[in-house]
N, C-alpha and C. Protein backbone atom coordinates (compact mmCIF):
# COMPACT_ATOMS: atom_id res chain seq x y z
N MET A 1 -154.64 210.51 141.86
CA MET A 1 -155.21 210.40 140.53
C MET A 1 -155.50 208.94 140.24
N ALA A 2 -156.65 208.68 139.68
CA ALA A 2 -157.03 207.32 139.30
C ALA A 2 -156.33 206.95 137.99
N LYS A 3 -156.16 205.65 137.82
CA LYS A 3 -155.56 205.16 136.58
C LYS A 3 -156.46 205.54 135.40
N PRO A 4 -155.88 206.07 134.33
CA PRO A 4 -156.69 206.43 133.16
C PRO A 4 -157.43 205.22 132.58
N GLU A 5 -158.61 205.48 132.10
CA GLU A 5 -159.50 204.43 131.58
C GLU A 5 -158.89 203.65 130.41
N LYS A 6 -158.08 204.31 129.61
CA LYS A 6 -157.57 203.67 128.39
C LYS A 6 -156.23 202.95 128.59
N CYS A 7 -155.78 202.80 129.83
CA CYS A 7 -154.57 202.02 130.09
C CYS A 7 -154.82 200.56 129.71
N ILE A 8 -153.76 199.90 129.28
CA ILE A 8 -153.83 198.47 129.01
C ILE A 8 -152.90 197.75 129.98
N SER A 9 -153.08 196.46 130.10
CA SER A 9 -152.25 195.69 131.03
C SER A 9 -150.85 195.49 130.44
N VAL A 10 -149.91 195.19 131.31
CA VAL A 10 -148.55 194.86 130.87
C VAL A 10 -148.60 193.66 129.94
N THR A 11 -149.44 192.69 130.25
CA THR A 11 -149.56 191.49 129.41
C THR A 11 -150.02 191.86 128.00
N GLU A 12 -151.03 192.73 127.91
CA GLU A 12 -151.50 193.14 126.59
C GLU A 12 -150.43 193.93 125.85
N ALA A 13 -149.72 194.80 126.56
CA ALA A 13 -148.64 195.57 125.93
C ALA A 13 -147.57 194.64 125.38
N ARG A 14 -147.19 193.63 126.16
CA ARG A 14 -146.19 192.66 125.69
C ARG A 14 -146.67 191.95 124.44
N GLN A 15 -147.93 191.55 124.42
CA GLN A 15 -148.49 190.86 123.26
C GLN A 15 -148.50 191.76 122.04
N LEU A 16 -148.90 193.00 122.22
CA LEU A 16 -148.90 193.94 121.10
C LEU A 16 -147.49 194.13 120.54
N HIS A 17 -146.51 194.28 121.43
CA HIS A 17 -145.14 194.45 120.97
C HIS A 17 -144.63 193.19 120.29
N ASP A 18 -144.91 192.04 120.88
CA ASP A 18 -144.51 190.77 120.25
C ASP A 18 -145.12 190.65 118.85
N ASN A 19 -146.38 191.05 118.71
CA ASN A 19 -147.03 191.01 117.40
C ASN A 19 -146.28 191.89 116.41
N TRP A 20 -145.87 193.07 116.85
CA TRP A 20 -145.15 193.98 115.97
C TRP A 20 -143.81 193.38 115.55
N VAL A 21 -143.10 192.81 116.51
CA VAL A 21 -141.78 192.23 116.21
C VAL A 21 -141.92 191.08 115.21
N THR A 22 -142.89 190.20 115.44
CA THR A 22 -143.00 189.03 114.56
C THR A 22 -143.59 189.36 113.20
N THR A 23 -144.38 190.40 113.09
CA THR A 23 -145.01 190.71 111.80
C THR A 23 -144.34 191.84 111.05
N ARG A 24 -143.47 192.62 111.71
CA ARG A 24 -142.88 193.77 111.04
C ARG A 24 -141.37 193.89 111.25
N ALA A 25 -140.91 193.78 112.47
CA ALA A 25 -139.49 194.02 112.76
C ALA A 25 -138.59 193.04 112.01
N ARG A 26 -138.99 191.80 111.95
CA ARG A 26 -138.15 190.81 111.24
C ARG A 26 -138.08 191.12 109.75
N GLU A 27 -139.20 191.56 109.18
CA GLU A 27 -139.21 191.91 107.76
C GLU A 27 -138.38 193.17 107.50
N ILE A 28 -138.46 194.13 108.39
CA ILE A 28 -137.64 195.34 108.26
C ILE A 28 -136.17 194.96 108.32
N GLN A 29 -135.81 194.08 109.26
CA GLN A 29 -134.42 193.64 109.38
C GLN A 29 -133.98 192.96 108.08
N ARG A 30 -134.82 192.11 107.53
CA ARG A 30 -134.48 191.40 106.30
C ARG A 30 -134.27 192.39 105.15
N LEU A 31 -135.17 193.36 105.02
CA LEU A 31 -135.08 194.31 103.91
C LEU A 31 -133.97 195.34 104.09
N GLN A 32 -133.77 195.83 105.31
CA GLN A 32 -132.76 196.85 105.56
C GLN A 32 -131.37 196.25 105.78
N GLY A 33 -131.34 195.03 106.22
CA GLY A 33 -130.05 194.40 106.49
C GLY A 33 -129.53 194.67 107.89
N PHE A 34 -130.34 195.26 108.75
CA PHE A 34 -129.94 195.52 110.14
C PHE A 34 -131.19 195.64 111.00
N ASN A 35 -131.00 195.41 112.31
CA ASN A 35 -132.07 195.67 113.26
C ASN A 35 -132.26 197.17 113.36
N ASP A 36 -133.49 197.61 113.35
CA ASP A 36 -133.76 199.03 113.46
C ASP A 36 -134.36 199.35 114.82
N THR A 37 -134.27 200.60 115.18
CA THR A 37 -134.88 201.09 116.41
C THR A 37 -136.37 200.80 116.37
N ARG A 38 -136.93 200.38 117.51
CA ARG A 38 -138.37 200.12 117.57
C ARG A 38 -139.01 200.66 118.85
N ASP A 39 -138.24 201.42 119.58
CA ASP A 39 -138.79 202.07 120.78
C ASP A 39 -138.13 203.44 120.92
N PHE A 40 -138.88 204.36 121.52
CA PHE A 40 -138.42 205.74 121.63
C PHE A 40 -138.80 206.26 123.01
N THR A 41 -137.91 207.04 123.59
CA THR A 41 -138.15 207.58 124.92
C THR A 41 -138.14 209.10 124.86
N PHE A 42 -139.18 209.70 125.44
CA PHE A 42 -139.26 211.14 125.62
C PHE A 42 -139.37 211.38 127.12
N SER A 43 -138.72 212.40 127.62
CA SER A 43 -138.84 212.69 129.05
C SER A 43 -140.25 213.19 129.34
N LEU A 44 -140.70 212.96 130.55
CA LEU A 44 -142.01 213.48 130.95
C LEU A 44 -142.05 214.99 130.84
N SER A 45 -140.96 215.65 131.22
CA SER A 45 -140.97 217.11 131.14
C SER A 45 -141.08 217.59 129.69
N ASP A 46 -140.41 216.91 128.75
CA ASP A 46 -140.54 217.27 127.34
C ASP A 46 -141.96 217.05 126.84
N LEU A 47 -142.56 215.92 127.23
CA LEU A 47 -143.93 215.64 126.81
C LEU A 47 -144.92 216.62 127.42
N GLU A 48 -144.75 216.91 128.71
CA GLU A 48 -145.64 217.88 129.37
C GLU A 48 -145.52 219.25 128.72
N GLU A 49 -144.30 219.67 128.44
CA GLU A 49 -144.07 220.96 127.81
C GLU A 49 -144.73 221.00 126.42
N TYR A 50 -144.60 219.91 125.66
CA TYR A 50 -145.18 219.87 124.33
C TYR A 50 -146.71 219.86 124.39
N VAL A 51 -147.28 219.07 125.29
CA VAL A 51 -148.74 219.03 125.43
C VAL A 51 -149.26 220.43 125.80
N GLN A 52 -148.57 221.11 126.70
CA GLN A 52 -148.99 222.46 127.08
C GLN A 52 -148.90 223.42 125.89
N TYR A 53 -147.82 223.30 125.11
CA TYR A 53 -147.65 224.12 123.91
C TYR A 53 -148.81 223.88 122.93
N VAL A 54 -149.15 222.61 122.69
CA VAL A 54 -150.25 222.29 121.78
C VAL A 54 -151.57 222.83 122.32
N LYS A 55 -151.80 222.67 123.61
CA LYS A 55 -153.04 223.21 124.21
C LYS A 55 -153.13 224.72 124.02
N GLU A 56 -152.07 225.43 124.36
CA GLU A 56 -152.09 226.90 124.29
C GLU A 56 -152.25 227.39 122.85
N GLU A 57 -151.52 226.81 121.93
CA GLU A 57 -151.63 227.23 120.53
C GLU A 57 -152.99 226.86 119.96
N SER A 58 -153.55 225.73 120.36
CA SER A 58 -154.87 225.32 119.88
C SER A 58 -155.94 226.28 120.37
N VAL A 59 -155.84 226.71 121.63
CA VAL A 59 -156.80 227.67 122.17
C VAL A 59 -156.74 228.96 121.35
N LYS A 60 -155.54 229.44 121.04
CA LYS A 60 -155.39 230.65 120.24
C LYS A 60 -156.07 230.50 118.87
N GLN A 61 -156.09 229.29 118.35
CA GLN A 61 -156.67 229.02 117.03
C GLN A 61 -158.15 228.67 117.11
N GLY A 62 -158.68 228.52 118.32
CA GLY A 62 -160.08 228.15 118.47
C GLY A 62 -160.34 226.67 118.28
N VAL A 63 -159.30 225.85 118.42
CA VAL A 63 -159.45 224.39 118.31
C VAL A 63 -159.85 223.87 119.68
N ALA A 64 -161.08 223.35 119.78
CA ALA A 64 -161.65 222.99 121.07
C ALA A 64 -161.11 221.68 121.64
N ASN A 65 -160.83 220.70 120.80
CA ASN A 65 -160.45 219.38 121.29
C ASN A 65 -159.29 218.83 120.46
N PRO A 66 -158.10 219.41 120.62
CA PRO A 66 -156.96 218.96 119.81
C PRO A 66 -156.51 217.56 120.21
N GLY A 67 -155.82 216.94 119.29
CA GLY A 67 -155.22 215.64 119.57
C GLY A 67 -153.76 215.66 119.18
N ILE A 68 -153.09 214.55 119.42
CA ILE A 68 -151.71 214.39 118.98
C ILE A 68 -151.61 213.04 118.30
N ARG A 69 -151.14 213.06 117.07
CA ARG A 69 -150.96 211.84 116.27
C ARG A 69 -149.47 211.48 116.31
N ILE A 70 -149.18 210.20 116.40
CA ILE A 70 -147.79 209.73 116.41
C ILE A 70 -147.50 209.08 115.06
N TYR A 71 -146.48 209.61 114.39
CA TYR A 71 -146.09 209.09 113.09
C TYR A 71 -144.79 208.31 113.19
N PHE A 72 -144.73 207.18 112.48
CA PHE A 72 -143.48 206.48 112.25
C PHE A 72 -142.73 207.26 111.18
N ALA A 73 -141.42 207.34 111.29
CA ALA A 73 -140.62 208.08 110.32
C ALA A 73 -139.23 207.46 110.25
N ALA A 74 -138.39 207.97 109.36
CA ALA A 74 -137.01 207.49 109.24
C ALA A 74 -136.11 208.63 108.83
N TYR A 75 -134.94 208.65 109.39
CA TYR A 75 -133.94 209.63 108.99
C TYR A 75 -133.34 209.20 107.66
N ASP A 76 -132.83 210.16 106.94
CA ASP A 76 -132.17 209.91 105.66
C ASP A 76 -130.99 210.87 105.56
N SER A 77 -129.97 210.56 106.35
CA SER A 77 -128.82 211.45 106.37
C SER A 77 -127.56 210.65 106.60
N ALA A 78 -126.43 211.31 106.47
CA ALA A 78 -125.15 210.65 106.72
C ALA A 78 -125.05 210.22 108.18
N LYS A 79 -125.75 210.94 109.06
CA LYS A 79 -125.68 210.62 110.49
C LYS A 79 -126.49 209.37 110.84
N SER A 80 -127.65 209.21 110.21
CA SER A 80 -128.51 208.09 110.59
C SER A 80 -129.52 207.78 109.50
N ASP A 81 -129.81 206.49 109.35
CA ASP A 81 -130.91 206.06 108.50
C ASP A 81 -131.89 205.22 109.32
N ARG A 82 -131.85 205.39 110.62
CA ARG A 82 -132.70 204.63 111.54
C ARG A 82 -134.12 205.20 111.60
N ALA A 83 -134.99 204.40 112.18
CA ALA A 83 -136.37 204.81 112.39
C ALA A 83 -136.45 205.86 113.48
N THR A 84 -137.53 206.61 113.45
CA THR A 84 -137.85 207.57 114.49
C THR A 84 -139.36 207.71 114.55
N VAL A 85 -139.83 208.52 115.44
CA VAL A 85 -141.24 208.91 115.49
C VAL A 85 -141.30 210.41 115.70
N PHE A 86 -142.43 211.01 115.32
CA PHE A 86 -142.68 212.38 115.72
C PHE A 86 -144.14 212.52 116.08
N LEU A 87 -144.41 213.48 116.95
CA LEU A 87 -145.76 213.75 117.42
C LEU A 87 -146.26 214.97 116.69
N ALA A 88 -147.47 214.87 116.13
CA ALA A 88 -148.03 215.96 115.34
C ALA A 88 -149.41 216.34 115.87
N PRO A 89 -149.65 217.61 116.12
CA PRO A 89 -150.95 218.06 116.60
C PRO A 89 -152.04 217.84 115.54
N THR A 90 -153.24 217.59 116.00
CA THR A 90 -154.39 217.45 115.11
C THR A 90 -155.46 218.46 115.50
N LEU A 91 -156.41 218.64 114.59
CA LEU A 91 -157.51 219.57 114.81
C LEU A 91 -158.68 218.93 115.55
N GLY A 92 -158.52 217.68 115.95
CA GLY A 92 -159.54 216.95 116.68
C GLY A 92 -159.03 215.58 117.04
N VAL A 93 -159.89 214.79 117.65
CA VAL A 93 -159.48 213.44 118.06
C VAL A 93 -160.24 212.34 117.34
N GLU A 94 -161.20 212.72 116.51
CA GLU A 94 -161.95 211.70 115.79
C GLU A 94 -161.06 211.07 114.71
N GLU A 95 -161.40 209.86 114.30
CA GLU A 95 -160.65 209.18 113.26
C GLU A 95 -160.59 210.05 112.02
N GLY A 96 -159.41 210.21 111.47
CA GLY A 96 -159.26 211.01 110.27
C GLY A 96 -159.18 212.51 110.50
N ALA A 97 -159.09 212.93 111.75
CA ALA A 97 -158.96 214.37 112.02
C ALA A 97 -157.75 214.92 111.27
N ASP A 98 -157.88 216.12 110.74
CA ASP A 98 -156.78 216.73 110.00
C ASP A 98 -155.64 217.09 110.94
N ASN A 99 -154.43 217.05 110.39
CA ASN A 99 -153.27 217.55 111.13
C ASN A 99 -153.38 219.06 111.25
N ASN A 100 -152.83 219.59 112.33
CA ASN A 100 -152.76 221.03 112.52
C ASN A 100 -151.36 221.48 112.13
N TYR A 101 -151.24 221.92 110.88
CA TYR A 101 -149.94 222.31 110.36
C TYR A 101 -149.48 223.69 110.84
N GLU A 102 -150.27 224.32 111.68
CA GLU A 102 -149.90 225.62 112.25
C GLU A 102 -149.09 225.46 113.54
N ILE A 103 -148.98 224.23 114.03
CA ILE A 103 -148.22 223.94 115.25
C ILE A 103 -147.15 222.93 114.89
N ASP A 104 -145.91 223.21 115.26
CA ASP A 104 -144.80 222.33 114.90
C ASP A 104 -144.88 220.98 115.61
N PRO A 105 -144.47 219.91 114.92
CA PRO A 105 -144.39 218.57 115.53
C PRO A 105 -143.22 218.48 116.52
N LEU A 106 -143.21 217.40 117.29
CA LEU A 106 -142.14 217.12 118.25
C LEU A 106 -141.37 215.89 117.82
N ASN A 107 -140.05 215.98 117.87
CA ASN A 107 -139.15 214.86 117.58
C ASN A 107 -138.03 214.96 118.60
N ARG A 108 -136.93 214.35 118.36
CA ARG A 108 -135.73 214.42 119.19
C ARG A 108 -135.84 213.64 120.50
N GLY A 109 -136.65 212.57 120.48
CA GLY A 109 -136.62 211.66 121.61
C GLY A 109 -135.38 210.79 121.47
N ASN A 110 -135.25 209.80 122.29
CA ASN A 110 -134.12 208.88 122.21
C ASN A 110 -134.61 207.55 121.69
N GLY A 111 -134.03 207.12 120.58
CA GLY A 111 -134.36 205.80 120.04
C GLY A 111 -133.62 204.74 120.80
N GLY A 112 -134.31 203.68 121.15
CA GLY A 112 -133.68 202.58 121.89
C GLY A 112 -132.65 201.85 121.05
N TRP A 113 -131.44 201.80 121.52
CA TRP A 113 -130.42 201.07 120.79
C TRP A 113 -129.52 200.33 121.76
N PRO A 114 -129.35 199.04 121.61
CA PRO A 114 -130.07 198.23 120.63
C PRO A 114 -131.56 198.22 120.94
N PRO A 115 -132.38 197.75 119.97
CA PRO A 115 -133.83 197.76 120.20
C PRO A 115 -134.21 197.07 121.49
N ASN A 116 -135.08 197.72 122.23
CA ASN A 116 -135.56 197.17 123.51
C ASN A 116 -136.87 196.44 123.29
N SER A 117 -137.00 195.27 123.86
CA SER A 117 -138.28 194.56 123.83
C SER A 117 -139.06 194.93 125.06
N TYR A 118 -140.38 194.98 124.92
CA TYR A 118 -141.23 195.31 126.06
C TYR A 118 -141.43 194.07 126.89
């Protein structure tokens, strides 16, 4: 398999992450009073299973070109108030495509702790 066209270099990824840390992570730390999670790991098998689920459910609904949007989120419970992300299916891939609320989102990845830098 050839490398996907939309891959970026490790150098660009490091720069993007550094930009996030310097423009957002420090402010979050200042406001929250602690370093928060800023990376999340999902197993390939979990991601493959979820992508297949979204594909199959989208076909049943007649959605020709579904997408997956990644949302930043935060827990609000006695167990955790840390950041998280969840993946939500969309009805298309164009900018502003509506979410597909007929298919459940994916969460329960592992948040990097302590925060991992790229």
